[in-house]
Every structure is written in structure tokens, then in C-alpha cells.
Amino acid sequence: EYTVIKSRFDALNARQERVLSTMGGVVWREKLEEAVSAADSASSALASDFMSGDIALEQFVNQHLELRMQHHGLDLKRQAAEALLANMPGGLGSGGGGGGSKVGA
């Protein structure tokens, strides 16, 4: 019975290591921060287009609202996940660096 449980543990541990190597620590933070920044940049570009008269008011409002909701949703997820991981025992949240940068809206 021990051998079966140990084998299962080793398989799950190896899976966790694979996941953490691609989405853990610094890699995870960078990808999420890139997504937050991309949503912020897209809404800024849309605002510039509106200010230069390239798009209509209704189109701007609809698209800008969607982009800002996306930005804030991603940023809230980033903040929540970092807080959760930082408080996990065993240092799982410390994948290099002390938290992410704050992206303003």
C-alpha cells in the first residue's frame, strides 16, 4: 500500500514541478502583468483614437468599458493570487521577486 501511495505522490509532485516551471513564480507574474498592461494599453489607444475623432462616441464608450473591465478584472486576479501565494506555507509564492508592479488605471 505504501508503494502505491508513494508512487501517486511522486507522480503528482512531478506534475506540480512541471506546472510551476512554466507558470510559477516569475513566469506567472510576468504573464499576468503583461496581460494587465496589454488591456491598459488597448484602452489608452482607444481613448487616443476617440480624442482624434477616429471613432464615434457610442463605439468608444462600449469598447472602453469592456477594455477597462478586462484590465481591472485581470489586475484584481493578479493581486488576489499574489496575496494568496505569498501566504502559502513552504514559500510557494516566492518564485523570485517580492510581488508584482502595480499597474494604474
PDB file of N, CA and C in Angstrom:
ATOM      1  N   GLU A   1       0.828  -1.198   0.000  1.00  0.00           N
ATOM      2  CA  GLU A   1       0.000   0.000   0.000  1.00  0.00           C
ATOM      3  C   GLU A   1       0.873   1.262   0.000  1.00  0.00           C
ATOM      4  N   TYR A   2       1.957   1.243   0.766  1.00  0.00           N
ATOM      5  CA  TYR A   2       2.863   2.390   0.805  1.00  0.00           C
ATOM      6  C   TYR A   2       3.413   2.682  -0.581  1.00  0.00           C
ATOM      7  N   THR A   3       3.777   1.645  -1.305  1.00  0.00           N
ATOM      8  CA  THR A   3       4.366   1.816  -2.633  1.00  0.00           C
ATOM      9  C   THR A   3       3.378   2.498  -3.584  1.00  0.00           C
ATOM     10  N   VAL A   4       2.111   2.136  -3.502  1.00  0.00           N
ATOM     11  CA  VAL A   4       1.092   2.735  -4.357  1.00  0.00           C
ATOM     12  C   VAL A   4       0.927   4.220  -4.017  1.00  0.00           C
ATOM     13  N   ILE A   5       0.846   4.523  -2.739  1.00  0.00           N
ATOM     14  CA  ILE A   5       0.672   5.905  -2.307  1.00  0.00           C
ATOM     15  C   ILE A   5       1.916   6.731  -2.651  1.00  0.00           C
ATOM     16  N   LYS A   6       3.080   6.157  -2.427  1.00  0.00           N
ATOM     17  CA  LYS A   6       4.332   6.864  -2.750  1.00  0.00           C
ATOM     18  C   LYS A   6       4.432   7.123  -4.242  1.00  0.00           C
ATOM     19  N   SER A   7       4.037   6.175  -5.046  1.00  0.00           N
ATOM     20  CA  SER A   7       4.070   6.339  -6.491  1.00  0.00           C
ATOM     21  C   SER A   7       3.121   7.458  -6.927  1.00  0.00           C
ATOM     22  N   ARG A   8       1.936   7.484  -6.347  1.00  0.00           N
ATOM     23  CA  ARG A   8       0.961   8.537  -6.667  1.00  0.00           C
ATOM     24  C   ARG A   8       1.488   9.905  -6.248  1.00  0.00           C
ATOM     25  N   PHE A   9       2.087   9.959  -5.066  1.00  0.00           N
ATOM     26  CA  PHE A   9       2.666  11.215  -4.593  1.00  0.00           C
ATOM     27  C   PHE A   9       3.763  11.695  -5.541  1.00  0.00           C
ATOM     28  N   ASP A  10       4.645  10.803  -5.937  1.00  0.00           N
ATOM     29  CA  ASP A  10       5.734  11.170  -6.840  1.00  0.00           C
ATOM     30  C   ASP A  10       5.203  11.681  -8.178  1.00  0.00           C
ATOM     31  N   ALA A  11       4.151  11.059  -8.694  1.00  0.00           N
ATOM     32  CA  ALA A  11       3.567  11.496  -9.960  1.00  0.00           C
ATOM     33  C   ALA A  11       2.948  12.890  -9.814  1.00  0.00           C
ATOM     34  N   LEU A  12       2.224  13.114  -8.729  1.00  0.00           N
ATOM     35  CA  LEU A  12       1.617  14.424  -8.510  1.00  0.00           C
ATOM     36  C   LEU A  12       2.674  15.493  -8.250  1.00  0.00           C
ATOM     37  N   ASN A  13       3.714  15.137  -7.539  1.00  0.00           N
ATOM     38  CA  ASN A  13       4.793  16.077  -7.269  1.00  0.00           C
ATOM     39  C   ASN A  13       5.511  16.469  -8.567  1.00  0.00           C
ATOM     40  N   ALA A  14       5.740  15.501  -9.444  1.00  0.00           N
ATOM     41  CA  ALA A  14       6.369  15.786 -10.731  1.00  0.00           C
ATOM     42  C   ALA A  14       5.474  16.695 -11.570  1.00  0.00           C
ATOM     43  N   ARG A  15       4.176  16.465 -11.520  1.00  0.00           N
ATOM     44  CA  ARG A  15       3.230  17.320 -12.263  1.00  0.00           C
ATOM     45  C   ARG A  15       3.273  18.742 -11.732  1.00  0.00           C
ATOM     46  N   GLN A  16       3.295  18.877 -10.417  1.00  0.00           N
ATOM     47  CA  GLN A  16       3.362  20.205  -9.817  1.00  0.00           C
ATOM     48  C   GLN A  16       4.640  20.926 -10.245  1.00  0.00           C
ATOM     49  N   GLU A  17       5.744  20.222 -10.256  1.00  0.00           N
ATOM     50  CA  GLU A  17       7.007  20.830 -10.682  1.00  0.00           C
ATOM     51  C   GLU A  17       6.946  21.300 -12.132  1.00  0.00           C
ATOM     52  N   ARG A  18       6.311  20.497 -13.000  1.00  0.00           N
ATOM     53  CA  ARG A  18       6.168  20.907 -14.408  1.00  0.00           C
ATOM     54  C   ARG A  18       5.322  22.167 -14.526  1.00  0.00           C
ATOM     55  N   VAL A  19       4.221  22.205 -13.784  1.00  0.00           N
ATOM     56  CA  VAL A  19       3.345  23.379 -13.831  1.00  0.00           C
ATOM     57  C   VAL A  19       4.067  24.601 -13.290  1.00  0.00           C
ATOM     58  N   LEU A  20       4.737  24.471 -12.168  1.00  0.00           N
ATOM     59  CA  LEU A  20       5.441  25.601 -11.578  1.00  0.00           C
ATOM     60  C   LEU A  20       6.581  26.088 -12.455  1.00  0.00           C
ATOM     61  N   SER A  21       7.184  25.187 -13.228  1.00  0.00           N
ATOM     62  CA  SER A  21       8.289  25.614 -14.089  1.00  0.00           C
ATOM     63  C   SER A  21       7.801  26.451 -15.264  1.00  0.00           C
ATOM     64  N   THR A  22       6.524  26.278 -15.648  1.00  0.00           N
ATOM     65  CA  THR A  22       6.001  27.061 -16.769  1.00  0.00           C
ATOM     66  C   THR A  22       5.124  28.219 -16.318  1.00  0.00           C
ATOM     67  N   MET A  23       4.469  28.093 -15.181  1.00  0.00           N
ATOM     68  CA  MET A  23       3.559  29.150 -14.746  1.00  0.00           C
ATOM     69  C   MET A  23       3.808  29.596 -13.312  1.00  0.00           C
ATOM     70  N   GLY A  24       4.850  29.153 -12.700  1.00  0.00           N
ATOM     71  CA  GLY A  24       5.107  29.521 -11.318  1.00  0.00           C
ATOM     72  C   GLY A  24       6.017  30.728 -11.208  1.00  0.00           C
ATOM     73  N   GLY A  25       5.983  31.335 -10.060  1.00  0.00           N
ATOM     74  CA  GLY A  25       6.915  32.394  -9.725  1.00  0.00           C
ATOM     75  C   GLY A  25       6.974  33.526 -10.724  1.00  0.00           C
ATOM     76  N   VAL A  26       8.181  33.812 -11.179  1.00  0.00           N
ATOM     77  CA  VAL A  26       8.434  34.946 -12.054  1.00  0.00           C
ATOM     78  C   VAL A  26       7.677  34.821 -13.374  1.00  0.00           C
ATOM     79  N   VAL A  27       7.660  33.632 -13.956  1.00  0.00           N
ATOM     80  CA  VAL A  27       6.981  33.440 -15.249  1.00  0.00           C
ATOM     81  C   VAL A  27       5.505  33.776 -15.115  1.00  0.00           C
ATOM     82  N   TRP A  28       4.879  33.273 -14.090  1.00  0.00           N
ATOM     83  CA  TRP A  28       3.456  33.524 -13.862  1.00  0.00           C
ATOM     84  C   TRP A  28       3.192  35.014 -13.684  1.00  0.00           C
ATOM     85  N   ARG A  29       3.984  35.658 -12.847  1.00  0.00           N
ATOM     86  CA  ARG A  29       3.794  37.089 -12.608  1.00  0.00           C
ATOM     87  C   ARG A  29       3.969  37.893 -13.891  1.00  0.00           C
ATOM     88  N   GLU A  30       4.988  37.563 -14.652  1.00  0.00           N
ATOM     89  CA  GLU A  30       5.249  38.298 -15.891  1.00  0.00           C
ATOM     90  C   GLU A  30       4.096  38.156 -16.886  1.00  0.00           C
ATOM     91  N   LYS A  31       3.590  36.946 -17.044  1.00  0.00           N
ATOM     92  CA  LYS A  31       2.480  36.731 -17.990  1.00  0.00           C
ATOM     93  C   LYS A  31       1.226  37.481 -17.569  1.00  0.00           C
ATOM     94  N   LEU A  32       0.914  37.441 -16.300  1.00  0.00           N
ATOM     95  CA  LEU A  32      -0.282  38.136 -15.829  1.00  0.00           C
ATOM     96  C   LEU A  32      -0.099  39.648 -15.919  1.00  0.00           C
ATOM     97  N   GLU A  33       1.073  40.142 -15.578  1.00  0.00           N
ATOM     98  CA  GLU A  33       1.320  41.579 -15.680  1.00  0.00           C
ATOM     99  C   GLU A  33       1.320  42.043 -17.134  1.00  0.00           C
ATOM    100  N   GLU A  34       1.796  41.200 -18.043  1.00  0.00           N
ATOM    101  CA  GLU A  34       1.724  41.533 -19.466  1.00  0.00           C
ATOM    102  C   GLU A  34       0.276  41.656 -19.923  1.00  0.00           C
ATOM    103  N   ALA A  35      -0.578  40.770 -19.448  1.00  0.00           N
ATOM    104  CA  ALA A  35      -1.997  40.822 -19.812  1.00  0.00           C
ATOM    105  C   ALA A  35      -2.651  42.088 -19.253  1.00  0.00           C
ATOM    106  N   VAL A  36      -2.317  42.454 -18.022  1.00  0.00           N
ATOM    107  CA  VAL A  36      -2.848  43.672 -17.415  1.00  0.00           C
ATOM    108  C   VAL A  36      -2.389  44.892 -18.213  1.00  0.00           C
ATOM    109  N   SER A  37      -1.107  44.931 -18.551  1.00  0.00           N
ATOM    110  CA  SER A  37      -0.560  46.058 -19.315  1.00  0.00           C
ATOM    111  C   SER A  37      -1.158  46.140 -20.717  1.00  0.00           C
ATOM    112  N   ALA A  38      -1.361  44.993 -21.344  1.00  0.00           N
ATOM    113  CA  ALA A  38      -1.938  44.974 -22.691  1.00  0.00           C
ATOM    114  C   ALA A  38      -3.359  45.545 -22.678  1.00  0.00           C
ATOM    115  N   ALA A  39      -4.147  45.172 -21.687  1.00  0.00           N
ATOM    116  CA  ALA A  39      -5.511  45.699 -21.592  1.00  0.00           C
ATOM    117  C   ALA A  39      -5.482  47.200 -21.330  1.00  0.00           C
ATOM    118  N   ASP A  40      -4.552  47.653 -20.508  1.00  0.00           N
ATOM    119  CA  ASP A  40      -4.419  49.073 -20.224  1.00  0.00           C
ATOM    120  C   ASP A  40      -3.995  49.839 -21.472  1.00  0.00           C
ATOM    121  N   SER A  41      -3.035  49.299 -22.203  1.00  0.00           N
ATOM    122  CA  SER A  41      -2.559  49.946 -23.432  1.00  0.00           C
ATOM    123  C   SER A  41      -3.657  50.016 -24.488  1.00  0.00           C
ATOM    124  N   ALA A  42      -4.440  48.965 -24.594  1.00  0.00           N
ATOM    125  CA  ALA A  42      -5.527  48.945 -25.572  1.00  0.00           C
ATOM    126  C   ALA A  42      -6.561  50.020 -25.260  1.00  0.00           C
ATOM    127  N   SER A  43      -6.885  50.197 -23.987  1.00  0.00           N
ATOM    128  CA  SER A  43      -7.868  51.234 -23.645  1.00  0.00           C
ATOM    129  C   SER A  43      -7.284  52.626 -23.857  1.00  0.00           C
ATOM    130  N   SER A  44      -5.994  52.795 -23.617  1.00  0.00           N
ATOM    131  CA  SER A  44      -5.354  54.092 -23.868  1.00  0.00           C
ATOM    132  C   SER A  44      -5.334  54.415 -25.359  1.00  0.00           C
ATOM    133  N   ALA A  45      -5.044  53.410 -26.176  1.00  0.00           N
ATOM    134  CA  ALA A  45      -5.041  53.609 -27.632  1.00  0.00           C
ATOM    135  C   ALA A  45      -6.439  53.955 -28.122  1.00  0.00           C
ATOM    136  N   LEU A  46      -7.438  53.298 -27.552  1.00  0.00           N
ATOM    137  CA  LEU A  46      -8.822  53.591 -27.921  1.00  0.00           C
ATOM    138  C   LEU A  46      -9.181  55.026 -27.548  1.00  0.00           C
ATOM    139  N   ALA A  47      -8.747  55.468 -26.375  1.00  0.00           N
ATOM    140  CA  ALA A  47      -9.012  56.845 -25.956  1.00  0.00           C
ATOM    141  C   ALA A  47      -8.346  57.838 -26.907  1.00  0.00           C
ATOM    142  N   SER A  48      -7.147  57.535 -27.340  1.00  0.00           N
ATOM    143  CA  SER A  48      -6.451  58.398 -28.298  1.00  0.00           C
ATOM    144  C   SER A  48      -7.210  58.468 -29.622  1.00  0.00           C
ATOM    145  N   ASP A  49      -7.696  57.306 -30.067  1.00  0.00           N
ATOM    146  CA  ASP A  49      -8.480  57.271 -31.306  1.00  0.00           C
ATOM    147  C   ASP A  49      -9.740  58.125 -31.177  1.00  0.00           C
ATOM    148  N   PHE A  50     -10.376  58.040 -30.012  1.00  0.00           N
ATOM    149  CA  PHE A  50     -11.589  58.839 -29.807  1.00  0.00           C
ATOM    150  C   PHE A  50     -11.266  60.328 -29.787  1.00  0.00           C
ATOM    151  N   MET A  51     -10.203  60.684 -29.077  1.00  0.00           N
ATOM    152  CA  MET A  51      -9.831  62.096 -28.976  1.00  0.00           C
ATOM    153  C   MET A  51      -9.438  62.689 -30.332  1.00  0.00           C
ATOM    154  N   SER A  52      -8.919  61.860 -31.217  1.00  0.00           N
ATOM    155  CA  SER A  52      -8.547  62.359 -32.541  1.00  0.00           C
ATOM    156  C   SER A  52      -9.715  62.286 -33.523  1.00  0.00           C
ATOM    157  N   GLY A  53     -10.863  61.812 -33.059  1.00  0.00           N
ATOM    158  CA  GLY A  53     -12.056  61.786 -33.899  1.00  0.00           C
ATOM    159  C   GLY A  53     -12.151  60.581 -34.818  1.00  0.00           C
ATOM    160  N   ASP A  54     -11.348  59.553 -34.557  1.00  0.00           N
ATOM    161  CA  ASP A  54     -11.346  58.371 -35.422  1.00  0.00           C
ATOM    162  C   ASP A  54     -12.496  57.408 -35.153  1.00  0.00           C
ATOM    163  N   ILE A  55     -13.096  57.487 -33.962  1.00  0.00           N
ATOM    164  CA  ILE A  55     -14.226  56.605 -33.665  1.00  0.00           C
ATOM    165  C   ILE A  55     -15.350  57.411 -33.021  1.00  0.00           C
ATOM    166  N   ALA A  56     -16.554  56.913 -33.159  1.00  0.00           N
ATOM    167  CA  ALA A  56     -17.741  57.588 -32.636  1.00  0.00           C
ATOM    168  C   ALA A  56     -17.844  57.401 -31.124  1.00  0.00           C
ATOM    169  N   LEU A  57     -18.595  58.288 -30.490  1.00  0.00           N
ATOM    170  CA  LEU A  57     -18.766  58.257 -29.041  1.00  0.00           C
ATOM    171  C   LEU A  57     -19.319  56.924 -28.558  1.00  0.00           C
ATOM    172  N   GLU A  58     -20.393  56.445 -29.163  1.00  0.00           N
ATOM    173  CA  GLU A  58     -21.016  55.196 -28.705  1.00  0.00           C
ATOM    174  C   GLU A  58     -20.053  54.015 -28.822  1.00  0.00           C
ATOM    175  N   GLN A  59     -19.334  53.954 -29.925  1.00  0.00           N
ATOM    176  CA  GLN A  59     -18.354  52.879 -30.110  1.00  0.00           C
ATOM    177  C   GLN A  59     -17.253  52.985 -29.061  1.00  0.00           C
ATOM    178  N   PHE A  60     -16.796  54.198 -28.797  1.00  0.00           N
ATOM    179  CA  PHE A  60     -15.753  54.405 -27.786  1.00  0.00           C
ATOM    180  C   PHE A  60     -16.222  53.949 -26.415  1.00  0.00           C
ATOM    181  N   VAL A  61     -17.415  54.389 -26.027  1.00  0.00           N
ATOM    182  CA  VAL A  61     -17.926  54.051 -24.690  1.00  0.00           C
ATOM    183  C   VAL A  61     -18.048  52.538 -24.530  1.00  0.00           C
ATOM    184  N   ASN A  62     -18.621  51.868 -25.512  1.00  0.00           N
ATOM    185  CA  ASN A  62     -18.792  50.418 -25.412  1.00  0.00           C
ATOM    186  C   ASN A  62     -17.458  49.687 -25.341  1.00  0.00           C
ATOM    187  N   GLN A  63     -16.535  50.037 -26.222  1.00  0.00           N
ATOM    188  CA  GLN A  63     -15.242  49.352 -26.250  1.00  0.00           C
ATOM    189  C   GLN A  63     -14.392  49.712 -25.033  1.00  0.00           C
ATOM    190  N   HIS A  64     -14.423  50.971 -24.641  1.00  0.00           N
ATOM    191  CA  HIS A  64     -13.606  51.403 -23.499  1.00  0.00           C
ATOM    192  C   HIS A  64     -14.081  50.737 -22.218  1.00  0.00           C
ATOM    193  N   LEU A  65     -15.379  50.663 -22.043  1.00  0.00           N
ATOM    194  CA  LEU A  65     -15.924  49.998 -20.856  1.00  0.00           C
ATOM    195  C   LEU A  65     -15.469  48.538 -20.806  1.00  0.00           C
ATOM    196  N   GLU A  66     -15.561  47.854 -21.927  1.00  0.00           N
ATOM    197  CA  GLU A  66     -15.144  46.451 -21.982  1.00  0.00           C
ATOM    198  C   GLU A  66     -13.650  46.302 -21.669  1.00  0.00           C
ATOM    199  N   LEU A  67     -12.823  47.144 -22.251  1.00  0.00           N
ATOM    200  CA  LEU A  67     -11.377  47.071 -22.014  1.00  0.00           C
ATOM    201  C   LEU A  67     -11.011  47.392 -20.571  1.00  0.00           C
ATOM    202  N   ARG A  68     -11.688  48.372 -19.974  1.00  0.00           N
ATOM    203  CA  ARG A  68     -11.389  48.714 -18.577  1.00  0.00           C
ATOM    204  C   ARG A  68     -11.843  47.609 -17.636  1.00  0.00           C
ATOM    205  N   MET A  69     -12.984  46.993 -17.930  1.00  0.00           N
ATOM    206  CA  MET A  69     -13.431  45.874 -17.096  1.00  0.00           C
ATOM    207  C   MET A  69     -12.435  44.721 -17.201  1.00  0.00           C
ATOM    208  N   GLN A  70     -11.938  44.470 -18.396  1.00  0.00           N
ATOM    209  CA  GLN A  70     -10.935  43.418 -18.589  1.00  0.00           C
ATOM    210  C   GLN A  70      -9.666  43.749 -17.801  1.00  0.00           C
ATOM    211  N   HIS A  71      -9.206  44.981 -17.916  1.00  0.00           N
ATOM    212  CA  HIS A  71      -7.995  45.411 -17.199  1.00  0.00           C
ATOM    213  C   HIS A  71      -8.151  45.237 -15.698  1.00  0.00           C
ATOM    214  N   HIS A  72      -9.251  45.762 -15.154  1.00  0.00           N
ATOM    215  CA  HIS A  72      -9.448  45.693 -13.711  1.00  0.00           C
ATOM    216  C   HIS A  72      -9.669  44.262 -13.230  1.00  0.00           C
ATOM    217  N   GLY A  73     -10.362  43.462 -14.018  1.00  0.00           N
ATOM    218  CA  GLY A  73     -10.542  42.052 -13.653  1.00  0.00           C
ATOM    219  C   GLY A  73      -9.216  41.319 -13.583  1.00  0.00           C
ATOM    220  N   LEU A  74      -8.364  41.525 -14.581  1.00  0.00           N
ATOM    221  CA  LEU A  74      -7.046  40.895 -14.576  1.00  0.00           C
ATOM    222  C   LEU A  74      -6.197  41.396 -13.413  1.00  0.00           C
ATOM    223  N   ASP A  75      -6.253  42.686 -13.154  1.00  0.00           N
ATOM    224  CA  ASP A  75      -5.448  43.252 -12.073  1.00  0.00           C
ATOM    225  C   ASP A  75      -5.910  42.734 -10.711  1.00  0.00           C
ATOM    226  N   LEU A  76      -7.222  42.613 -10.523  1.00  0.00           N
ATOM    227  CA  LEU A  76      -7.731  42.058  -9.264  1.00  0.00           C
ATOM    228  C   LEU A  76      -7.310  40.597  -9.092  1.00  0.00           C
ATOM    229  N   LYS A  77      -7.356  39.833 -10.186  1.00  0.00           N
ATOM    230  CA  LYS A  77      -6.912  38.438 -10.117  1.00  0.00           C
ATOM    231  C   LYS A  77      -5.433  38.361  -9.768  1.00  0.00           C
ATOM    232  N   ARG A  78      -4.642  39.243 -10.364  1.00  0.00           N
ATOM    233  CA  ARG A  78      -3.208  39.270 -10.067  1.00  0.00           C
ATOM    234  C   ARG A  78      -2.969  39.572  -8.595  1.00  0.00           C
ATOM    235  N   GLN A  79      -3.647  40.585  -8.085  1.00  0.00           N
ATOM    236  CA  GLN A  79      -3.469  40.959  -6.684  1.00  0.00           C
ATOM    237  C   GLN A  79      -3.914  39.843  -5.738  1.00  0.00           C
ATOM    238  N   ALA A  80      -5.053  39.246  -6.031  1.00  0.00           N
ATOM    239  CA  ALA A  80      -5.566  38.181  -5.169  1.00  0.00           C
ATOM    240  C   ALA A  80      -4.662  36.956  -5.188  1.00  0.00           C
ATOM    241  N   ALA A  81      -4.214  36.575  -6.368  1.00  0.00           N
ATOM    242  CA  ALA A  81      -3.352  35.396  -6.478  1.00  0.00           C
ATOM    243  C   ALA A  81      -2.011  35.631  -5.795  1.00  0.00           C
ATOM    244  N   GLU A  82      -1.445  36.812  -5.948  1.00  0.00           N
ATOM    245  CA  GLU A  82      -0.176  37.094  -5.288  1.00  0.00           C
ATOM    246  C   GLU A  82      -0.325  37.082  -3.776  1.00  0.00           C
ATOM    247  N   ALA A  83      -1.421  37.635  -3.269  1.00  0.00           N
ATOM    248  CA  ALA A  83      -1.655  37.625  -1.826  1.00  0.00           C
ATOM    249  C   ALA A  83      -1.814  36.196  -1.320  1.00  0.00           C
ATOM    250  N   LEU A  84      -2.549  35.388  -2.068  1.00  0.00           N
ATOM    251  CA  LEU A  84      -2.754  34.001  -1.680  1.00  0.00           C
ATOM    252  C   LEU A  84      -1.437  33.223  -1.698  1.00  0.00           C
ATOM    253  N   LEU A  85      -0.691  33.359  -2.771  1.00  0.00           N
ATOM    254  CA  LEU A  85       0.567  32.625  -2.885  1.00  0.00           C
ATOM    255  C   LEU A  85       1.602  33.095  -1.883  1.00  0.00           C
ATOM    256  N   ALA A  86       1.608  34.374  -1.566  1.00  0.00           N
ATOM    257  CA  ALA A  86       2.576  34.897  -0.607  1.00  0.00           C
ATOM    258  C   ALA A  86       2.335  34.335   0.791  1.00  0.00           C
ATOM    259  N   ASN A  87       1.092  33.972   1.075  1.00  0.00           N
ATOM    260  CA  ASN A  87       0.753  33.463   2.409  1.00  0.00           C
ATOM    261  C   ASN A  87       0.780  31.944   2.515  1.00  0.00           C
ATOM    262  N   MET A  88       1.120  31.260   1.424  1.00  0.00           N
ATOM    263  CA  MET A  88       1.152  29.801   1.460  1.00  0.00           C
ATOM    264  C   MET A  88       2.400  29.320   2.192  1.00  0.00           C
ATOM    265  N   PRO A  89       2.265  28.278   2.995  1.00  0.00           N
ATOM    266  CA  PRO A  89       3.437  27.728   3.675  1.00  0.00           C
ATOM    267  C   PRO A  89       4.397  27.088   2.678  1.00  0.00           C
ATOM    268  N   GLY A  90       5.644  27.103   3.018  1.00  0.00           N
ATOM    269  CA  GLY A  90       6.640  26.469   2.167  1.00  0.00           C
ATOM    270  C   GLY A  90       7.180  27.376   1.082  1.00  0.00           C
ATOM    271  N   GLY A  91       6.773  28.634   1.087  1.00  0.00           N
ATOM    272  CA  GLY A  91       7.320  29.581   0.138  1.00  0.00           C
ATOM    273  C   GLY A  91       6.874  29.406  -1.296  1.00  0.00           C
ATOM    274  N   LEU A  92       5.714  28.777  -1.537  1.00  0.00           N
ATOM    275  CA  LEU A  92       5.255  28.583  -2.912  1.00  0.00           C
ATOM    276  C   LEU A  92       5.030  29.893  -3.630  1.00  0.00           C
ATOM    277  N   GLY A  93       4.764  30.940  -2.899  1.00  0.00           N
ATOM    278  CA  GLY A  93       4.520  32.219  -3.535  1.00  0.00           C
ATOM    279  C   GLY A  93       5.778  32.991  -3.844  1.00  0.00           C
ATOM    280  N   SER A  94       6.919  32.502  -3.440  1.00  0.00           N
ATOM    281  CA  SER A  94       8.149  33.268  -3.637  1.00  0.00           C
ATOM    282  C   SER A  94       8.935  32.710  -4.790  1.00  0.00           C
ATOM    283  N   GLY A  95       8.404  32.885  -5.980  1.00  0.00           N
ATOM    284  CA  GLY A  95       9.071  32.373  -7.170  1.00  0.00           C
ATOM    285  C   GLY A  95      10.071  33.335  -7.745  1.00  0.00           C
ATOM    286  N   GLY A  96      10.593  34.214  -6.939  1.00  0.00           N
ATOM    287  CA  GLY A  96      11.576  35.177  -7.414  1.00  0.00           C
ATOM    288  C   GLY A  96      10.961  36.554  -7.495  1.00  0.00           C
ATOM    289  N   GLY A  97      11.337  37.399  -6.610  1.00  0.00           N
ATOM    290  CA  GLY A  97      10.794  38.748  -6.609  1.00  0.00           C
ATOM    291  C   GLY A  97       9.722  38.868  -5.541  1.00  0.00           C
ATOM    292  N   GLY A  98       9.541  40.065  -5.080  1.00  0.00           N
ATOM    293  CA  GLY A  98       8.610  40.289  -3.986  1.00  0.00           C
ATOM    294  C   GLY A  98       7.319  40.899  -4.432  1.00  0.00           C
ATOM    295  N   GLY A  99       6.610  40.284  -5.321  1.00  0.00           N
ATOM    296  CA  GLY A  99       5.340  40.810  -5.756  1.00  0.00           C
ATOM    297  C   GLY A  99       5.486  41.510  -7.092  1.00  0.00           C
ATOM    298  N   GLY A 100       4.368  41.857  -7.643  1.00  0.00           N
ATOM    299  CA  GLY A 100       4.389  42.456  -8.964  1.00  0.00           C
ATOM    300  C   GLY A 100       4.294  43.959  -8.916  1.00  0.00           C
ATOM    301  N   SER A 101       4.466  44.560 -10.042  1.00  0.00           N
ATOM    302  CA  SER A 101       4.326  46.004 -10.120  1.00  0.00           C
ATOM    303  C   SER A 101       2.854  46.350 -10.162  1.00  0.00           C
ATOM    304  N   LYS A 102       2.534  47.496  -9.680  1.00  0.00           N
ATOM    305  CA  LYS A 102       1.153  47.958  -9.705  1.00  0.00           C
ATOM    306  C   LYS A 102       0.938  48.706 -11.005  1.00  0.00           C
ATOM    307  N   VAL A 103      -0.069  48.301 -11.737  1.00  0.00           N
ATOM    308  CA  VAL A 103      -0.391  48.961 -12.990  1.00  0.00           C
ATOM    309  C   VAL A 103      -1.597  49.841 -12.720  1.00  0.00           C
ATOM    310  N   GLY A 104      -1.450  51.127 -12.935  1.00  0.00           N
ATOM    311  CA  GLY A 104      -2.530  52.069 -12.653  1.00  0.00           C
ATOM    312  C   GLY A 104      -3.577  52.056 -13.736  1.00  0.00           C
ATOM    313  N   ALA A 105      -4.743  52.561 -13.391  1.00  0.00           N
ATOM    314  CA  ALA A 105      -5.827  52.603 -14.383  1.00  0.00           C
ATOM    315  C   ALA A 105      -6.271  54.010 -14.631  1.00  0.00           C
TER     316      ALA A 105
END
